[in-house]
Amino acid sequence: MKTMTKSTSALFAAVFGFAAAVSAQDATPATPTLPPASTNTNVTYATDIKPIFDANCVKCHDGTKPRVAAKLALDTLTGALKGSRDGKVVTVGDSAHSDLVLSVAHMGDNPDSFMPRGKGARKLTDEQIGLIRAWIDQGAK
């Protein structure tokens, strides 16, 4: 068997390096995943969810403000379960398919639906999203 010359070895290294670079460019970014539902039990709107909504959502999604374009009121349990002008945002028992969860987790094809938004708005934490998921999965009570 012949030994590879330095130039042949360099050629193989260059070709392999180029192939690896092209492969990395073609790779699609990892699909974001939802934070898991909290393991807390007996999660309720009044105790666990309303404080999150009050701090992050009610500024715009308050049922007493007619200016809310989506007509989504998150200041009451009834309003949250009623949904928006476009329909329900909570799929009781199925947080992974609830528009509310997808919106606050910044998932989906439409960044305009990501919430909260506006001046000073920050994405909810994974812990907050997890509590919302647990609340929905446990019956949204």
C-alpha atoms as a PDB file:
ATOM      1  CA  MET A   1       0.000   0.000   0.000  1.00  0.00           C
ATOM      2  CA  LYS A   2       1.373   3.418  -0.914  1.00  0.00           C
ATOM      3  CA  THR A   3       1.735   6.150   1.624  1.00  0.00           C
ATOM      4  CA  MET A   4      -0.167   9.362   1.078  1.00  0.00           C
ATOM      5  CA  THR A   5       1.880  12.359   0.210  1.00  0.00           C
ATOM      6  CA  LYS A   6       1.473  15.581   2.144  1.00  0.00           C
ATOM      7  CA  SER A   7      -0.322  17.193  -0.811  1.00  0.00           C
ATOM      8  CA  THR A   8      -2.791  14.283  -1.138  1.00  0.00           C
ATOM      9  CA  SER A   9      -3.425  14.386   2.572  1.00  0.00           C
ATOM     10  CA  ALA A  10      -4.009  18.160   2.434  1.00  0.00           C
ATOM     11  CA  LEU A  11      -6.403  17.705  -0.501  1.00  0.00           C
ATOM     12  CA  PHE A  12      -8.482  15.161   1.442  1.00  0.00           C
ATOM     13  CA  ALA A  13      -8.567  17.468   4.470  1.00  0.00           C
ATOM     14  CA  ALA A  14      -9.715  20.397   2.304  1.00  0.00           C
ATOM     15  CA  VAL A  15     -12.449  18.375   0.594  1.00  0.00           C
ATOM     16  CA  PHE A  16     -13.672  16.940   3.901  1.00  0.00           C
ATOM     17  CA  GLY A  17     -13.652  20.404   5.509  1.00  0.00           C
ATOM     18  CA  PHE A  18     -15.635  21.875   2.612  1.00  0.00           C
ATOM     19  CA  ALA A  19     -18.174  19.035   2.743  1.00  0.00           C
ATOM     20  CA  ALA A  20     -18.626  19.505   6.498  1.00  0.00           C
ATOM     21  CA  ALA A  21     -19.120  23.268   6.043  1.00  0.00           C
ATOM     22  CA  VAL A  22     -21.742  22.763   3.314  1.00  0.00           C
ATOM     23  CA  SER A  23     -23.506  20.153   5.429  1.00  0.00           C
ATOM     24  CA  ALA A  24     -23.622  22.545   8.409  1.00  0.00           C
ATOM     25  CA  GLN A  25     -25.097  25.309   6.234  1.00  0.00           C
ATOM     26  CA  ASP A  26     -27.809  22.979   4.956  1.00  0.00           C
ATOM     27  CA  ALA A  27     -28.794  21.877   8.453  1.00  0.00           C
ATOM     28  CA  THR A  28     -32.060  23.383   9.598  1.00  0.00           C
ATOM     29  CA  PRO A  29     -32.131  25.086  12.983  1.00  0.00           C
ATOM     30  CA  ALA A  30     -33.519  23.055  15.835  1.00  0.00           C
ATOM     31  CA  THR A  31     -37.265  23.360  16.206  1.00  0.00           C
ATOM     32  CA  PRO A  32     -38.087  25.129  19.444  1.00  0.00           C
ATOM     33  CA  THR A  33     -39.973  23.050  21.952  1.00  0.00           C
ATOM     34  CA  LEU A  34     -42.540  24.054  24.520  1.00  0.00           C
ATOM     35  CA  PRO A  35     -41.388  24.229  28.104  1.00  0.00           C
ATOM     36  CA  PRO A  36     -42.879  21.265  29.983  1.00  0.00           C
ATOM     37  CA  ALA A  37     -45.988  21.676  32.076  1.00  0.00           C
ATOM     38  CA  SER A  38     -45.310  22.385  35.724  1.00  0.00           C
ATOM     39  CA  THR A  39     -45.493  19.446  38.078  1.00  0.00           C
ATOM     40  CA  ASN A  40     -47.513  21.577  40.515  1.00  0.00           C
ATOM     41  CA  THR A  41     -50.925  20.113  41.233  1.00  0.00           C
ATOM     42  CA  ASN A  42     -54.221  21.932  41.742  1.00  0.00           C
ATOM     43  CA  VAL A  43     -53.132  24.908  39.644  1.00  0.00           C
ATOM     44  CA  THR A  44     -55.952  27.462  39.524  1.00  0.00           C
ATOM     45  CA  TYR A  45     -56.581  30.686  37.658  1.00  0.00           C
ATOM     46  CA  ALA A  46     -57.134  32.710  40.834  1.00  0.00           C
ATOM     47  CA  THR A  47     -54.057  31.521  42.704  1.00  0.00           C
ATOM     48  CA  ASP A  48     -51.465  30.778  40.038  1.00  0.00           C
ATOM     49  CA  ILE A  49     -52.442  32.195  36.647  1.00  0.00           C
ATOM     50  CA  LYS A  50     -54.088  35.550  37.357  1.00  0.00           C
ATOM     51  CA  PRO A  51     -50.880  36.952  38.910  1.00  0.00           C
ATOM     52  CA  ILE A  52     -48.967  36.032  35.723  1.00  0.00           C
ATOM     53  CA  PHE A  53     -51.646  37.587  33.510  1.00  0.00           C
ATOM     54  CA  ASP A  54     -51.893  40.682  35.736  1.00  0.00           C
ATOM     55  CA  ALA A  55     -48.149  41.284  35.488  1.00  0.00           C
ATOM     56  CA  ASN A  56     -47.734  40.517  31.799  1.00  0.00           C
ATOM     57  CA  CYS A  57     -51.000  40.545  29.858  1.00  0.00           C
ATOM     58  CA  VAL A  58     -53.786  42.597  31.427  1.00  0.00           C
ATOM     59  CA  LYS A  59     -52.191  45.891  30.434  1.00  0.00           C
ATOM     60  CA  CYS A  60     -53.596  45.172  26.970  1.00  0.00           C
ATOM     61  CA  HIS A  61     -55.985  42.253  27.551  1.00  0.00           C
ATOM     62  CA  ASP A  62     -58.334  43.771  30.117  1.00  0.00           C
ATOM     63  CA  GLY A  63     -62.035  43.200  29.486  1.00  0.00           C
ATOM     64  CA  THR A  64     -62.888  46.741  30.576  1.00  0.00           C
ATOM     65  CA  LYS A  65     -60.853  48.282  27.759  1.00  0.00           C
ATOM     66  CA  PRO A  66     -62.759  48.351  24.477  1.00  0.00           C
ATOM     67  CA  ARG A  67     -59.547  49.256  22.593  1.00  0.00           C
ATOM     68  CA  VAL A  68     -58.241  45.706  22.781  1.00  0.00           C
ATOM     69  CA  ALA A  69     -58.113  44.693  19.124  1.00  0.00           C
ATOM     70  CA  ALA A  70     -58.284  40.949  19.703  1.00  0.00           C
ATOM     71  CA  LYS A  71     -61.129  41.322  22.215  1.00  0.00           C
ATOM     72  CA  LEU A  72     -59.290  38.887  24.501  1.00  0.00           C
ATOM     73  CA  ALA A  73     -59.848  39.550  28.185  1.00  0.00           C
ATOM     74  CA  LEU A  74     -57.400  37.777  30.481  1.00  0.00           C
ATOM     75  CA  ASP A  75     -58.384  39.659  33.627  1.00  0.00           C
ATOM     76  CA  THR A  76     -61.044  37.060  34.482  1.00  0.00           C
ATOM     77  CA  LEU A  77     -61.299  33.292  34.200  1.00  0.00           C
ATOM     78  CA  THR A  78     -64.475  33.701  32.151  1.00  0.00           C
ATOM     79  CA  GLY A  79     -62.718  36.027  29.709  1.00  0.00           C
ATOM     80  CA  ALA A  80     -59.713  33.737  29.318  1.00  0.00           C
ATOM     81  CA  LEU A  81     -61.942  30.740  28.603  1.00  0.00           C
ATOM     82  CA  LYS A  82     -64.217  32.716  26.260  1.00  0.00           C
ATOM     83  CA  GLY A  83     -61.287  33.582  24.020  1.00  0.00           C
ATOM     84  CA  SER A  84     -60.835  36.304  21.438  1.00  0.00           C
ATOM     85  CA  ARG A  85     -62.766  37.592  18.454  1.00  0.00           C
ATOM     86  CA  ASP A  86     -61.063  34.798  16.500  1.00  0.00           C
ATOM     87  CA  GLY A  87     -62.165  32.030  18.855  1.00  0.00           C
ATOM     88  CA  LYS A  88     -60.970  30.129  21.895  1.00  0.00           C
ATOM     89  CA  VAL A  89     -57.317  30.497  22.933  1.00  0.00           C
ATOM     90  CA  VAL A  90     -57.422  27.767  25.578  1.00  0.00           C
ATOM     91  CA  THR A  91     -57.974  24.143  24.615  1.00  0.00           C
ATOM     92  CA  VAL A  92     -58.935  22.751  28.020  1.00  0.00           C
ATOM     93  CA  GLY A  93     -56.954  19.600  28.764  1.00  0.00           C
ATOM     94  CA  ASP A  94     -54.519  20.157  25.874  1.00  0.00           C
ATOM     95  CA  SER A  95     -52.034  22.926  26.571  1.00  0.00           C
ATOM     96  CA  ALA A  96     -49.722  21.909  23.721  1.00  0.00           C
ATOM     97  CA  HIS A  97     -52.441  22.879  21.233  1.00  0.00           C
ATOM     98  CA  SER A  98     -53.725  25.975  23.026  1.00  0.00           C
ATOM     99  CA  ASP A  99     -53.141  29.192  21.114  1.00  0.00           C
ATOM    100  CA  LEU A 100     -52.512  31.001  24.401  1.00  0.00           C
ATOM    101  CA  VAL A 101     -49.565  28.732  25.244  1.00  0.00           C
ATOM    102  CA  LEU A 102     -48.111  28.877  21.732  1.00  0.00           C
ATOM    103  CA  SER A 103     -48.385  32.667  21.778  1.00  0.00           C
ATOM    104  CA  VAL A 104     -46.632  33.186  25.135  1.00  0.00           C
ATOM    105  CA  ALA A 105     -44.001  30.550  24.268  1.00  0.00           C
ATOM    106  CA  HIS A 106     -43.262  32.435  21.013  1.00  0.00           C
ATOM    107  CA  MET A 107     -43.926  29.404  18.855  1.00  0.00           C
ATOM    108  CA  GLY A 108     -45.455  29.257  15.413  1.00  0.00           C
ATOM    109  CA  ASP A 109     -45.047  30.871  12.027  1.00  0.00           C
ATOM    110  CA  ASN A 110     -46.472  34.292  12.876  1.00  0.00           C
ATOM    111  CA  PRO A 111     -44.281  36.453  15.137  1.00  0.00           C
ATOM    112  CA  ASP A 112     -47.109  39.026  15.230  1.00  0.00           C
ATOM    113  CA  SER A 113     -49.030  36.583  17.427  1.00  0.00           C
ATOM    114  CA  PHE A 114     -46.224  36.302  19.990  1.00  0.00           C
ATOM    115  CA  MET A 115     -47.182  37.764  23.370  1.00  0.00           C
ATOM    116  CA  PRO A 116     -46.604  39.794  25.337  1.00  0.00           C
ATOM    117  CA  ARG A 117     -45.455  42.567  23.077  1.00  0.00           C
ATOM    118  CA  GLY A 118     -45.098  46.284  23.207  1.00  0.00           C
ATOM    119  CA  LYS A 119     -42.741  48.617  24.975  1.00  0.00           C
ATOM    120  CA  GLY A 120     -40.869  46.856  27.758  1.00  0.00           C
ATOM    121  CA  ALA A 121     -42.618  43.520  27.148  1.00  0.00           C
ATOM    122  CA  ARG A 122     -40.642  40.372  27.868  1.00  0.00           C
ATOM    123  CA  LYS A 123     -41.331  36.786  26.910  1.00  0.00           C
ATOM    124  CA  LEU A 124     -42.787  34.803  29.785  1.00  0.00           C
ATOM    125  CA  THR A 125     -40.355  32.574  31.646  1.00  0.00           C
ATOM    126  CA  ASP A 126     -40.359  28.825  31.118  1.00  0.00           C
ATOM    127  CA  GLU A 127     -41.699  28.462  34.671  1.00  0.00           C
ATOM    128  CA  GLN A 128     -44.628  30.791  33.939  1.00  0.00           C
ATOM    129  CA  ILE A 129     -45.392  28.978  30.683  1.00  0.00           C
ATOM    130  CA  GLY A 130     -45.165  25.673  32.557  1.00  0.00           C
ATOM    131  CA  LEU A 131     -47.730  26.876  35.117  1.00  0.00           C
ATOM    132  CA  ILE A 132     -50.095  28.003  32.360  1.00  0.00           C
ATOM    133  CA  ARG A 133     -49.687  24.614  30.704  1.00  0.00           C
ATOM    134  CA  ALA A 134     -50.413  22.792  33.976  1.00  0.00           C
ATOM    135  CA  TRP A 135     -53.498  24.966  34.552  1.00  0.00           C
ATOM    136  CA  ILE A 136     -54.866  24.136  31.095  1.00  0.00           C
ATOM    137  CA  ASP A 137     -53.974  20.442  31.303  1.00  0.00           C
ATOM    138  CA  GLN A 138     -55.644  20.212  34.729  1.00  0.00           C
ATOM    139  CA  GLY A 139     -58.945  21.579  33.445  1.00  0.00           C
ATOM    140  CA  ALA A 140     -58.394  25.379  33.428  1.00  0.00           C
ATOM    141  CA  LYS A 141     -60.221  26.025  36.700  1.00  0.00           C
END
